[in-house]
Amino acid sequence: STMSVNEQQKSVTRYIDSLVLKYKEQYHTLRDKYQFHVRFLDTFQGRNPHSTNGCTVIAPLTCIQYFCSVEQNISVSLQETTWENGIPDELINHVIDEHAATVLPEVRSKLNLEGDAFIIPSDVHDHLIDVGLLSTSQFVGVCGGNILDDEHLTSFKNSLFLLDDERERERLKGRKIAATFFFHGHVIALHVVDSGRNGNSPWVELIDSLPDPEAWVRPPSEQRHVSRVSSDSMECEEEQRDPSENGEWEQPISYDEYELPQNAVRIRCTGVEHFDTLLRHYACSKFSEEERAFIDRTMWDDSNSYCDSAFDPRIFQAFIWAEAE
């Protein structure tokens, strides 16, 4: 829908609109500098009907697979180590299409929920603990609040990367860390990945089983108008693979004339310092026009929780887990 110039000026004066724009631009700028790398997988939540509405199960299962699997992503070239470590693509595909599809009906029947009903994360975690896929000793912490509040986001970041707790760092030394991130009625996974560079801060990977692809890569219409070479086309060159050689490497992102792939996506962020951009851009890309208007006129209330029937669109909740000892 086309906006009149007056409407555009009016909407851009809202603080939330300037934030949405700021994080979108930051993300794309950093992506052009190879601080973010994007890779689409071979499947998506709902391709197998039994995985429909299954993000609350898929996200923790990718964390469990990451903790338990000795298989790691392997680079096919010495120059290109961006995707080293972390969970192999095949395992994520397997979680989405097969593993989640068997766990979801178990959880729903235990909770007497209808066919495709959404399940809240804490109920899923209880089930995964009951069946022995997770243990309470692996639980690191829960964080939450307003995704647009710097204190709330910093608190989550510090917990996820163990930045401000010496004892916790010592206790969890050498163990993989991951989180499920519940926001806007959807759950994604965040895996803290060893960058393979001794002493350097880790990388983080966001895995979304049902993404909005336009949040992560420029739509084809925009790509044609980018004057410098964007990393969308660059990465196709840079991370091209011969699939017969190694089933784990990145397919070039090839676009239909007008459409982006709707498949699950993994976004590798190569610096803890860019974590805020990653999560804020993800969050801002979700807000509808109505939600932006609500955010613009509504002060955040710290008593907000996911239990409220009419909850604030800014609210997030993250559960952090560690690999078993």
C-alpha atoms as a PDB file:
ATOM      1  CA  SER A   1       0.000   0.000   0.000  1.00  0.00           C
ATOM      2  CA  THR A   2       1.415   3.387  -0.927  1.00  0.00           C
ATOM      3  CA  MET A   3       1.671   6.027   1.745  1.00  0.00           C
ATOM      4  CA  SER A   4       1.285   9.715   1.109  1.00  0.00           C
ATOM      5  CA  VAL A   5       4.353  11.836   1.896  1.00  0.00           C
ATOM      6  CA  ASN A   6       2.576  13.240   4.950  1.00  0.00           C
ATOM      7  CA  GLU A   7       1.818   9.778   6.268  1.00  0.00           C
ATOM      8  CA  GLN A   8       5.430   8.712   5.748  1.00  0.00           C
ATOM      9  CA  GLN A   9       6.715  11.727   7.623  1.00  0.00           C
ATOM     10  CA  LYS A  10       4.239  11.150  10.417  1.00  0.00           C
ATOM     11  CA  SER A  11       5.095   7.463  10.815  1.00  0.00           C
ATOM     12  CA  VAL A  12       8.856   7.990  10.751  1.00  0.00           C
ATOM     13  CA  THR A  13       8.603  10.405  13.655  1.00  0.00           C
ATOM     14  CA  ARG A  14       7.465   7.521  15.863  1.00  0.00           C
ATOM     15  CA  TYR A  15      10.356   6.209  17.921  1.00  0.00           C
ATOM     16  CA  ILE A  16       9.455   2.577  17.194  1.00  0.00           C
ATOM     17  CA  ASP A  17       9.636   3.179  13.427  1.00  0.00           C
ATOM     18  CA  SER A  18      13.078   4.702  13.719  1.00  0.00           C
ATOM     19  CA  LEU A  19      14.158   1.650  15.768  1.00  0.00           C
ATOM     20  CA  VAL A  20      12.821  -0.792  13.176  1.00  0.00           C
ATOM     21  CA  LEU A  21      14.700   1.067  10.472  1.00  0.00           C
ATOM     22  CA  LYS A  22      17.873   1.402  12.539  1.00  0.00           C
ATOM     23  CA  TYR A  23      18.171  -2.321  13.272  1.00  0.00           C
ATOM     24  CA  LYS A  24      17.278  -3.327   9.738  1.00  0.00           C
ATOM     25  CA  GLU A  25      20.023  -1.068   8.368  1.00  0.00           C
ATOM     26  CA  GLN A  26      22.520  -2.218  11.011  1.00  0.00           C
ATOM     27  CA  TYR A  27      21.806  -5.845  10.213  1.00  0.00           C
ATOM     28  CA  HIS A  28      22.248  -5.432   6.447  1.00  0.00           C
ATOM     29  CA  THR A  29      25.371  -3.305   6.857  1.00  0.00           C
ATOM     30  CA  LEU A  30      26.945  -5.920   9.137  1.00  0.00           C
ATOM     31  CA  ARG A  31      25.856  -8.673   6.794  1.00  0.00           C
ATOM     32  CA  ASP A  32      27.603  -6.919   3.923  1.00  0.00           C
ATOM     33  CA  LYS A  33      30.715  -6.950   6.124  1.00  0.00           C
ATOM     34  CA  TYR A  34      30.335 -10.716   6.745  1.00  0.00           C
ATOM     35  CA  GLN A  35      29.434 -10.351  10.430  1.00  0.00           C
ATOM     36  CA  PHE A  36      26.204 -12.283   9.726  1.00  0.00           C
ATOM     37  CA  HIS A  37      25.935 -15.344   7.505  1.00  0.00           C
ATOM     38  CA  VAL A  38      22.620 -16.777   6.343  1.00  0.00           C
ATOM     39  CA  ARG A  39      21.847 -20.275   5.218  1.00  0.00           C
ATOM     40  CA  PHE A  40      18.468 -21.785   4.321  1.00  0.00           C
ATOM     41  CA  LEU A  41      17.800 -25.435   5.115  1.00  0.00           C
ATOM     42  CA  ASP A  42      15.967 -28.117   3.147  1.00  0.00           C
ATOM     43  CA  THR A  43      12.736 -28.108   5.117  1.00  0.00           C
ATOM     44  CA  PHE A  44      10.477 -26.015   7.366  1.00  0.00           C
ATOM     45  CA  GLN A  45       8.059 -26.425  10.250  1.00  0.00           C
ATOM     46  CA  GLY A  46       4.755 -27.723   8.859  1.00  0.00           C
ATOM     47  CA  ARG A  47       6.117 -29.344   5.713  1.00  0.00           C
ATOM     48  CA  ASN A  48       5.409 -32.567   7.562  1.00  0.00           C
ATOM     49  CA  PRO A  49       1.855 -31.815   8.823  1.00  0.00           C
ATOM     50  CA  HIS A  50       2.762 -33.430  12.160  1.00  0.00           C
ATOM     51  CA  SER A  51       5.261 -30.637  12.834  1.00  0.00           C
ATOM     52  CA  THR A  52       2.673 -27.851  12.424  1.00  0.00           C
ATOM     53  CA  ASN A  53       2.736 -25.285  15.244  1.00  0.00           C
ATOM     54  CA  GLY A  54       5.673 -27.199  16.637  1.00  0.00           C
ATOM     55  CA  CYS A  55       8.216 -24.439  17.195  1.00  0.00           C
ATOM     56  CA  THR A  56       8.077 -24.867  20.998  1.00  0.00           C
ATOM     57  CA  VAL A  57       9.247 -28.455  20.534  1.00  0.00           C
ATOM     58  CA  ILE A  58      11.568 -27.919  17.552  1.00  0.00           C
ATOM     59  CA  ALA A  59      13.659 -25.199  19.251  1.00  0.00           C
ATOM     60  CA  PRO A  60      14.600 -27.197  22.386  1.00  0.00           C
ATOM     61  CA  LEU A  61      15.136 -30.361  20.316  1.00  0.00           C
ATOM     62  CA  THR A  62      17.737 -28.537  18.198  1.00  0.00           C
ATOM     63  CA  CYS A  63      19.450 -27.552  21.476  1.00  0.00           C
ATOM     64  CA  ILE A  64      19.356 -31.149  22.718  1.00  0.00           C
ATOM     65  CA  GLN A  65      20.782 -32.394  19.411  1.00  0.00           C
ATOM     66  CA  TYR A  66      23.481 -29.735  19.593  1.00  0.00           C
ATOM     67  CA  PHE A  67      24.409 -30.866  23.116  1.00  0.00           C
ATOM     68  CA  CYS A  68      24.345 -34.598  22.399  1.00  0.00           C
ATOM     69  CA  SER A  69      25.700 -34.855  18.896  1.00  0.00           C
ATOM     70  CA  VAL A  70      29.387 -35.381  18.364  1.00  0.00           C
ATOM     71  CA  GLU A  71      28.821 -34.470  14.725  1.00  0.00           C
ATOM     72  CA  GLN A  72      29.731 -30.903  13.939  1.00  0.00           C
ATOM     73  CA  ASN A  73      29.539 -28.794  10.860  1.00  0.00           C
ATOM     74  CA  ILE A  74      32.740 -29.237   8.901  1.00  0.00           C
ATOM     75  CA  SER A  75      34.151 -26.693   6.495  1.00  0.00           C
ATOM     76  CA  VAL A  76      35.111 -27.910   3.073  1.00  0.00           C
ATOM     77  CA  SER A  77      37.750 -25.245   2.569  1.00  0.00           C
ATOM     78  CA  LEU A  78      40.453 -23.959   4.859  1.00  0.00           C
ATOM     79  CA  GLN A  79      39.682 -20.342   3.930  1.00  0.00           C
ATOM     80  CA  GLU A  80      36.013 -20.591   4.834  1.00  0.00           C
ATOM     81  CA  THR A  81      35.487 -21.462   8.489  1.00  0.00           C
ATOM     82  CA  THR A  82      32.331 -19.439   9.094  1.00  0.00           C
ATOM     83  CA  TRP A  83      30.109 -22.497   9.498  1.00  0.00           C
ATOM     84  CA  GLU A  84      32.466 -24.675  11.520  1.00  0.00           C
ATOM     85  CA  ASN A  85      31.136 -26.201  14.729  1.00  0.00           C
ATOM     86  CA  GLY A  86      27.485 -26.056  15.579  1.00  0.00           C
ATOM     87  CA  ILE A  87      24.894 -28.628  14.585  1.00  0.00           C
ATOM     88  CA  PRO A  88      24.935 -30.100  11.034  1.00  0.00           C
ATOM     89  CA  ASP A  89      22.098 -29.130   8.684  1.00  0.00           C
ATOM     90  CA  GLU A  90      20.895 -32.748   8.435  1.00  0.00           C
ATOM     91  CA  LEU A  91      20.234 -32.877  12.170  1.00  0.00           C
ATOM     92  CA  ILE A  92      18.124 -29.703  12.067  1.00  0.00           C
ATOM     93  CA  ASN A  93      16.168 -31.092   9.099  1.00  0.00           C
ATOM     94  CA  HIS A  94      15.686 -34.341  11.042  1.00  0.00           C
ATOM     95  CA  VAL A  95      14.458 -32.491  14.154  1.00  0.00           C
ATOM     96  CA  ILE A  96      11.918 -30.498  12.136  1.00  0.00           C
ATOM     97  CA  ASP A  97      10.571 -33.305   9.939  1.00  0.00           C
ATOM     98  CA  GLU A  98      10.854 -36.362  12.163  1.00  0.00           C
ATOM     99  CA  HIS A  99      11.824 -35.915  15.798  1.00  0.00           C
ATOM    100  CA  ALA A 100       9.434 -33.033  16.561  1.00  0.00           C
ATOM    101  CA  ALA A 101       6.652 -34.807  14.678  1.00  0.00           C
ATOM    102  CA  THR A 102       6.852 -37.728  17.130  1.00  0.00           C
ATOM    103  CA  VAL A 103       7.236 -35.615  20.294  1.00  0.00           C
ATOM    104  CA  LEU A 104       4.427 -33.125  19.541  1.00  0.00           C
ATOM    105  CA  PRO A 105       1.516 -35.618  19.694  1.00  0.00           C
ATOM    106  CA  GLU A 106       2.903 -37.032  22.971  1.00  0.00           C
ATOM    107  CA  VAL A 107       2.959 -33.593  24.605  1.00  0.00           C
ATOM    108  CA  ARG A 108      -0.452 -32.597  23.248  1.00  0.00           C
ATOM    109  CA  SER A 109      -2.143 -35.785  24.388  1.00  0.00           C
ATOM    110  CA  LYS A 110      -0.544 -35.464  27.838  1.00  0.00           C
ATOM    111  CA  LEU A 111      -1.978 -31.927  28.094  1.00  0.00           C
ATOM    112  CA  ASN A 112      -5.313 -32.817  26.419  1.00  0.00           C
ATOM    113  CA  LEU A 113      -4.706 -30.314  23.626  1.00  0.00           C
ATOM    114  CA  GLU A 114      -6.349 -30.388  20.205  1.00  0.00           C
ATOM    115  CA  GLY A 115      -4.571 -31.495  17.017  1.00  0.00           C
ATOM    116  CA  ASP A 116      -2.361 -28.537  16.090  1.00  0.00           C
ATOM    117  CA  ALA A 117      -2.629 -26.500  19.290  1.00  0.00           C
ATOM    118  CA  PHE A 118       0.282 -24.293  20.321  1.00  0.00           C
ATOM    119  CA  ILE A 119       2.084 -25.560  23.433  1.00  0.00           C
ATOM    120  CA  ILE A 120       3.688 -23.174  25.895  1.00  0.00           C
ATOM    121  CA  PRO A 121       7.463 -23.650  26.324  1.00  0.00           C
ATOM    122  CA  SER A 122       7.445 -24.535  30.030  1.00  0.00           C
ATOM    123  CA  ASP A 123       5.058 -27.460  29.355  1.00  0.00           C
ATOM    124  CA  VAL A 124       7.392 -28.719  26.637  1.00  0.00           C
ATOM    125  CA  HIS A 125      10.420 -28.452  28.934  1.00  0.00           C
ATOM    126  CA  ASP A 126       8.564 -30.415  31.639  1.00  0.00           C
ATOM    127  CA  HIS A 127       7.813 -33.158  29.118  1.00  0.00           C
ATOM    128  CA  LEU A 128      11.397 -33.272  27.812  1.00  0.00           C
ATOM    129  CA  ILE A 129      12.608 -33.607  31.407  1.00  0.00           C
ATOM    130  CA  ASP A 130       9.998 -36.322  32.151  1.00  0.00           C
ATOM    131  CA  VAL A 131      11.155 -38.409  29.187  1.00  0.00           C
ATOM    132  CA  GLY A 132      14.843 -37.899  29.958  1.00  0.00           C
ATOM    133  CA  LEU A 133      15.821 -35.743  26.969  1.00  0.00           C
ATOM    134  CA  LEU A 134      16.704 -32.848  29.287  1.00  0.00           C
ATOM    135  CA  SER A 135      17.578 -32.810  32.957  1.00  0.00           C
ATOM    136  CA  THR A 136      16.951 -30.090  35.550  1.00  0.00           C
ATOM    137  CA  SER A 137      20.707 -30.015  36.214  1.00  0.00           C
ATOM    138  CA  GLN A 138      21.164 -28.646  32.677  1.00  0.00           C
ATOM    139  CA  PHE A 139      18.986 -25.621  33.368  1.00  0.00           C
ATOM    140  CA  VAL A 140      21.089 -22.436  33.506  1.00  0.00           C
ATOM    141  CA  GLY A 141      18.408 -19.773  33.891  1.00  0.00           C
ATOM    142  CA  VAL A 142      15.395 -17.962  32.554  1.00  0.00           C
ATOM    143  CA  CYS A 143      15.408 -14.337  31.403  1.00  0.00           C
ATOM    144  CA  GLY A 144      12.692 -12.133  30.089  1.00  0.00           C
ATOM    145  CA  GLY A 145      11.125  -8.744  29.788  1.00  0.00           C
ATOM    146  CA  ASN A 146      10.949  -6.073  27.126  1.00  0.00           C
ATOM    147  CA  ILE A 147      13.058  -6.861  24.050  1.00  0.00           C
ATOM    148  CA  LEU A 148      13.432  -3.102  23.404  1.00  0.00           C
ATOM    149  CA  ASP A 149      14.772  -2.431  26.924  1.00  0.00           C
ATOM    150  CA  ASP A 150      18.583  -2.356  27.017  1.00  0.00           C
ATOM    151  CA  GLU A 151      18.752  -3.634  30.603  1.00  0.00           C
ATOM    152  CA  HIS A 152      16.514  -6.619  29.872  1.00  0.00           C
ATOM    153  CA  LEU A 153      18.426  -7.536  26.720  1.00  0.00           C
ATOM    154  CA  THR A 154      21.822  -7.095  28.410  1.00  0.00           C
ATOM    155  CA  SER A 155      20.723  -9.316  31.261  1.00  0.00           C
ATOM    156  CA  PHE A 156      19.813 -12.079  28.783  1.00  0.00           C
ATOM    157  CA  LYS A 157      23.045 -11.583  26.839  1.00  0.00           C
ATOM    158  CA  ASN A 158      25.137 -11.787  30.025  1.00  0.00           C
ATOM    159  CA  SER A 159      23.401 -15.000  31.086  1.00  0.00           C
ATOM    160  CA  LEU A 160      23.664 -16.635  27.657  1.00  0.00           C
ATOM    161  CA  PHE A 161      27.353 -15.839  27.197  1.00  0.00           C
ATOM    162  CA  LEU A 162      28.163 -16.158  30.936  1.00  0.00           C
ATOM    163  CA  LEU A 163      29.703 -12.702  30.795  1.00  0.00           C
ATOM    164  CA  ASP A 164      29.312 -11.477  34.356  1.00  0.00           C
ATOM    165  CA  ASP A 165      29.421 -14.597  36.497  1.00  0.00           C
ATOM    166  CA  GLU A 166      32.853 -16.049  37.122  1.00  0.00           C
ATOM    167  CA  ARG A 167      31.529 -18.993  39.148  1.00  0.00           C
ATOM    168  CA  GLU A 168      28.982 -19.935  36.493  1.00  0.00           C
ATOM    169  CA  ARG A 169      31.694 -19.726  33.805  1.00  0.00           C
ATOM    170  CA  GLU A 170      33.856 -22.066  35.825  1.00  0.00           C
ATOM    171  CA  ARG A 171      30.975 -24.468  36.534  1.00  0.00           C
ATOM    172  CA  LEU A 172      29.969 -24.706  32.866  1.00  0.00           C
ATOM    173  CA  LYS A 173      33.471 -24.617  31.403  1.00  0.00           C
ATOM    174  CA  GLY A 174      33.726 -26.670  28.218  1.00  0.00           C
ATOM    175  CA  ARG A 175      29.981 -27.371  28.073  1.00  0.00           C
ATOM    176  CA  LYS A 176      27.855 -26.212  25.139  1.00  0.00           C
ATOM    177  CA  ILE A 177      25.223 -23.567  25.918  1.00  0.00           C
ATOM    178  CA  ALA A 178      21.988 -22.863  24.056  1.00  0.00           C
ATOM    179  CA  ALA A 179      18.660 -21.157  24.634  1.00  0.00           C
ATOM    180  CA  THR A 180      15.079 -21.239  23.447  1.00  0.00           C
ATOM    181  CA  PHE A 181      13.745 -17.769  22.788  1.00  0.00           C
ATOM    182  CA  PHE A 182       9.976 -17.218  23.030  1.00  0.00           C
ATOM    183  CA  PHE A 183       8.741 -14.011  21.408  1.00  0.00           C
ATOM    184  CA  HIS A 184       5.645 -12.899  19.496  1.00  0.00           C
ATOM    185  CA  GLY A 185       4.012 -16.341  19.767  1.00  0.00           C
ATOM    186  CA  HIS A 186       6.992 -18.105  18.189  1.00  0.00           C
ATOM    187  CA  VAL A 187      10.047 -19.945  19.528  1.00  0.00           C
ATOM    188  CA  ILE A 188      13.513 -20.014  17.983  1.00  0.00           C
ATOM    189  CA  ALA A 189      16.788 -21.509  19.178  1.00  0.00           C
ATOM    190  CA  LEU A 190      20.030 -19.687  19.931  1.00  0.00           C
ATOM    191  CA  HIS A 191      23.179 -21.824  20.039  1.00  0.00           C
ATOM    192  CA  VAL A 192      26.435 -20.470  21.460  1.00  0.00           C
ATOM    193  CA  VAL A 193      29.060 -21.849  19.088  1.00  0.00           C
ATOM    194  CA  ASP A 194      32.803 -22.088  19.610  1.00  0.00           C
ATOM    195  CA  SER A 195      34.400 -19.834  17.010  1.00  0.00           C
ATOM    196  CA  GLY A 196      37.395 -22.165  16.890  1.00  0.00           C
ATOM    197  CA  ARG A 197      39.645 -19.201  17.547  1.00  0.00           C
ATOM    198  CA  ASN A 198      41.275 -19.667  20.902  1.00  0.00           C
ATOM    199  CA  GLY A 199      40.493 -16.999  23.426  1.00  0.00           C
ATOM    200  CA  ASN A 200      38.099 -15.256  21.056  1.00  0.00           C
ATOM    201  CA  SER A 201      34.522 -14.677  22.026  1.00  0.00           C
ATOM    202  CA  PRO A 202      32.099 -17.324  20.785  1.00  0.00           C
ATOM    203  CA  TRP A 203      29.720 -16.991  17.882  1.00  0.00           C
ATOM    204  CA  VAL A 204      25.984 -17.345  18.196  1.00  0.00           C
ATOM    205  CA  GLU A 205      23.604 -18.984  15.804  1.00  0.00           C
ATOM    206  CA  LEU A 206      19.890 -18.270  15.486  1.00  0.00           C
ATOM    207  CA  ILE A 207      17.828 -21.181  14.135  1.00  0.00           C
ATOM    208  CA  ASP A 208      14.259 -20.467  13.049  1.00  0.00           C
ATOM    209  CA  SER A 209      12.071 -23.306  11.756  1.00  0.00           C
ATOM    210  CA  LEU A 210       9.510 -20.953  10.186  1.00  0.00           C
ATOM    211  CA  PRO A 211      11.154 -17.619   9.388  1.00  0.00           C
ATOM    212  CA  ASP A 212      10.147 -14.563   7.481  1.00  0.00           C
ATOM    213  CA  PRO A 213      12.915 -14.751   4.851  1.00  0.00           C
ATOM    214  CA  GLU A 214      12.671 -11.031   4.098  1.00  0.00           C
ATOM    215  CA  ALA A 215      14.029 -10.316   7.554  1.00  0.00           C
ATOM    216  CA  TRP A 216      17.311 -12.013   6.673  1.00  0.00           C
ATOM    217  CA  VAL A 217      17.991 -11.534   2.970  1.00  0.00           C
ATOM    218  CA  ARG A 218      17.038  -8.685   0.722  1.00  0.00           C
ATOM    219  CA  PRO A 219      14.076  -9.518  -1.496  1.00  0.00           C
ATOM    220  CA  PRO A 220      15.014  -9.885  -5.172  1.00  0.00           C
ATOM    221  CA  SER A 221      13.333  -6.572  -6.051  1.00  0.00           C
ATOM    222  CA  GLU A 222      15.602  -4.725  -3.610  1.00  0.00           C
ATOM    223  CA  GLN A 223      18.727  -6.620  -4.577  1.00  0.00           C
ATOM    224  CA  ARG A 224      18.690  -5.240  -8.072  1.00  0.00           C
ATOM    225  CA  HIS A 225      18.831  -1.709  -6.735  1.00  0.00           C
ATOM    226  CA  VAL A 226      21.737  -2.229  -4.357  1.00  0.00           C
ATOM    227  CA  SER A 227      24.596  -0.326  -5.906  1.00  0.00           C
ATOM    228  CA  ARG A 228      27.397  -2.238  -4.208  1.00  0.00           C
ATOM    229  CA  VAL A 229      27.520  -6.004  -4.311  1.00  0.00           C
ATOM    230  CA  SER A 230      25.411  -7.238  -1.443  1.00  0.00           C
ATOM    231  CA  SER A 231      26.436 -10.248   0.569  1.00  0.00           C
ATOM    232  CA  ASP A 232      23.373 -12.080  -0.740  1.00  0.00           C
ATOM    233  CA  SER A 233      25.061 -12.589  -4.083  1.00  0.00           C
ATOM    234  CA  MET A 234      28.532 -12.659  -2.543  1.00  0.00           C
ATOM    235  CA  GLU A 235      27.693 -15.486  -0.207  1.00  0.00           C
ATOM    236  CA  CYS A 236      26.480 -17.566  -3.079  1.00  0.00           C
ATOM    237  CA  GLU A 237      29.986 -17.313  -4.467  1.00  0.00           C
ATOM    238  CA  GLU A 238      31.749 -17.488  -1.168  1.00  0.00           C
ATOM    239  CA  GLU A 239      29.905 -20.427   0.305  1.00  0.00           C
ATOM    240  CA  GLN A 240      29.157 -22.392  -2.785  1.00  0.00           C
ATOM    241  CA  ARG A 241      29.551 -26.125  -2.514  1.00  0.00           C
ATOM    242  CA  ASP A 242      29.532 -29.230  -4.535  1.00  0.00           C
ATOM    243  CA  PRO A 243      26.761 -31.164  -2.764  1.00  0.00           C
ATOM    244  CA  SER A 244      28.155 -34.491  -3.941  1.00  0.00           C
ATOM    245  CA  GLU A 245      31.401 -33.770  -2.108  1.00  0.00           C
ATOM    246  CA  ASN A 246      29.924 -32.989   1.255  1.00  0.00           C
ATOM    247  CA  GLY A 247      26.240 -32.994   2.095  1.00  0.00           C
ATOM    248  CA  GLU A 248      26.728 -30.390   4.780  1.00  0.00           C
ATOM    249  CA  TRP A 249      27.766 -27.375   2.802  1.00  0.00           C
ATOM    250  CA  GLU A 250      25.758 -24.367   1.858  1.00  0.00           C
ATOM    251  CA  GLN A 251      23.762 -24.359  -1.329  1.00  0.00           C
ATOM    252  CA  PRO A 252      24.021 -21.033  -3.122  1.00  0.00           C
ATOM    253  CA  ILE A 253      20.941 -19.007  -2.250  1.00  0.00           C
ATOM    254  CA  SER A 254      19.144 -19.029  -5.550  1.00  0.00           C
ATOM    255  CA  TYR A 255      16.062 -16.874  -5.763  1.00  0.00           C
ATOM    256  CA  ASP A 256      12.966 -17.210  -7.759  1.00  0.00           C
ATOM    257  CA  GLU A 257      12.326 -14.030  -9.742  1.00  0.00           C
ATOM    258  CA  TYR A 258       9.958 -12.688  -7.075  1.00  0.00           C
ATOM    259  CA  GLU A 259      10.114 -15.018  -4.113  1.00  0.00           C
ATOM    260  CA  LEU A 260      12.493 -15.871  -1.315  1.00  0.00           C
ATOM    261  CA  PRO A 261      12.796 -19.396   0.068  1.00  0.00           C
ATOM    262  CA  GLN A 262      10.360 -20.049   2.925  1.00  0.00           C
ATOM    263  CA  ASN A 263      12.535 -22.751   4.485  1.00  0.00           C
ATOM    264  CA  ALA A 264      14.019 -22.885   7.960  1.00  0.00           C
ATOM    265  CA  VAL A 265      17.052 -20.656   8.338  1.00  0.00           C
ATOM    266  CA  ARG A 266      20.208 -20.461  10.389  1.00  0.00           C
ATOM    267  CA  ILE A 267      21.925 -17.126  10.933  1.00  0.00           C
ATOM    268  CA  ARG A 268      25.478 -17.249  12.198  1.00  0.00           C
ATOM    269  CA  CYS A 269      26.558 -14.103  14.063  1.00  0.00           C
ATOM    270  CA  THR A 270      30.330 -13.849  14.326  1.00  0.00           C
ATOM    271  CA  GLY A 271      30.559 -11.466  17.254  1.00  0.00           C
ATOM    272  CA  VAL A 272      28.919 -11.223  20.665  1.00  0.00           C
ATOM    273  CA  GLU A 273      28.977  -7.451  20.137  1.00  0.00           C
ATOM    274  CA  HIS A 274      26.462  -7.855  17.284  1.00  0.00           C
ATOM    275  CA  PHE A 275      24.050  -9.998  19.316  1.00  0.00           C
ATOM    276  CA  ASP A 276      21.819  -6.986  20.122  1.00  0.00           C
ATOM    277  CA  THR A 277      21.477  -6.189  16.414  1.00  0.00           C
ATOM    278  CA  LEU A 278      20.617  -9.811  15.646  1.00  0.00           C
ATOM    279  CA  LEU A 279      17.849 -10.095  18.255  1.00  0.00           C
ATOM    280  CA  ARG A 280      16.473  -6.579  17.916  1.00  0.00           C
ATOM    281  CA  HIS A 281      16.283  -6.868  14.137  1.00  0.00           C
ATOM    282  CA  TYR A 282      14.541 -10.236  14.529  1.00  0.00           C
ATOM    283  CA  ALA A 283      12.077  -8.708  16.999  1.00  0.00           C
ATOM    284  CA  CYS A 284      11.420  -5.497  15.063  1.00  0.00           C
ATOM    285  CA  SER A 285      10.745  -7.461  11.877  1.00  0.00           C
ATOM    286  CA  LYS A 286       7.822  -9.118  13.663  1.00  0.00           C
ATOM    287  CA  PHE A 287       5.860  -6.044  14.751  1.00  0.00           C
ATOM    288  CA  SER A 288       2.686  -5.325  12.778  1.00  0.00           C
ATOM    289  CA  GLU A 289       1.485  -1.784  12.175  1.00  0.00           C
ATOM    290  CA  GLU A 290      -1.091  -2.185  14.987  1.00  0.00           C
ATOM    291  CA  GLU A 291       1.628  -3.380  17.363  1.00  0.00           C
ATOM    292  CA  ARG A 292       3.888  -0.475  16.473  1.00  0.00           C
ATOM    293  CA  ALA A 293       1.019   1.909  17.232  1.00  0.00           C
ATOM    294  CA  PHE A 294       0.425   0.104  20.558  1.00  0.00           C
ATOM    295  CA  ILE A 295       4.147   0.299  21.448  1.00  0.00           C
ATOM    296  CA  ASP A 296       4.201   3.978  20.533  1.00  0.00           C
ATOM    297  CA  ARG A 297       1.371   4.876  22.896  1.00  0.00           C
ATOM    298  CA  THR A 298       1.928   2.358  25.716  1.00  0.00           C
ATOM    299  CA  MET A 299       4.542   2.527  28.440  1.00  0.00           C
ATOM    300  CA  TRP A 300       6.106  -0.819  29.262  1.00  0.00           C
ATOM    301  CA  ASP A 301       4.773  -2.284  32.499  1.00  0.00           C
ATOM    302  CA  ASP A 302       7.195  -4.517  34.404  1.00  0.00           C
ATOM    303  CA  SER A 303       4.328  -6.625  35.696  1.00  0.00           C
ATOM    304  CA  ASN A 304       3.701  -7.868  32.136  1.00  0.00           C
ATOM    305  CA  SER A 305       3.904 -11.599  31.756  1.00  0.00           C
ATOM    306  CA  TYR A 306       3.056 -14.205  29.185  1.00  0.00           C
ATOM    307  CA  CYS A 307       0.100 -15.247  31.338  1.00  0.00           C
ATOM    308  CA  ASP A 308      -1.763 -12.025  30.601  1.00  0.00           C
ATOM    309  CA  SER A 309      -4.482 -12.556  28.053  1.00  0.00           C
ATOM    310  CA  ALA A 310      -3.660  -9.322  26.222  1.00  0.00           C
ATOM    311  CA  PHE A 311       0.095  -9.280  26.395  1.00  0.00           C
ATOM    312  CA  ASP A 312       2.476  -6.607  25.216  1.00  0.00           C
ATOM    313  CA  PRO A 313       4.124  -7.450  21.847  1.00  0.00           C
ATOM    314  CA  ARG A 314       7.554  -6.483  23.250  1.00  0.00           C
ATOM    315  CA  ILE A 315       7.632  -9.313  25.775  1.00  0.00           C
ATOM    316  CA  PHE A 316      10.195 -12.104  25.467  1.00  0.00           C
ATOM    317  CA  GLN A 317      11.123 -15.099  27.551  1.00  0.00           C
ATOM    318  CA  ALA A 318      14.321 -17.110  27.126  1.00  0.00           C
ATOM    319  CA  PHE A 319      15.308 -20.409  28.709  1.00  0.00           C
ATOM    320  CA  ILE A 320      19.034 -21.148  28.830  1.00  0.00           C
ATOM    321  CA  TRP A 321      20.352 -24.716  28.987  1.00  0.00           C
ATOM    322  CA  ALA A 322      23.780 -26.357  29.101  1.00  0.00           C
ATOM    323  CA  GLU A 323      25.092 -29.638  27.813  1.00  0.00           C
ATOM    324  CA  ALA A 324      24.862 -32.389  30.479  1.00  0.00           C
ATOM    325  CA  GLU A 325      27.994 -32.937  32.537  1.00  0.00           C
END
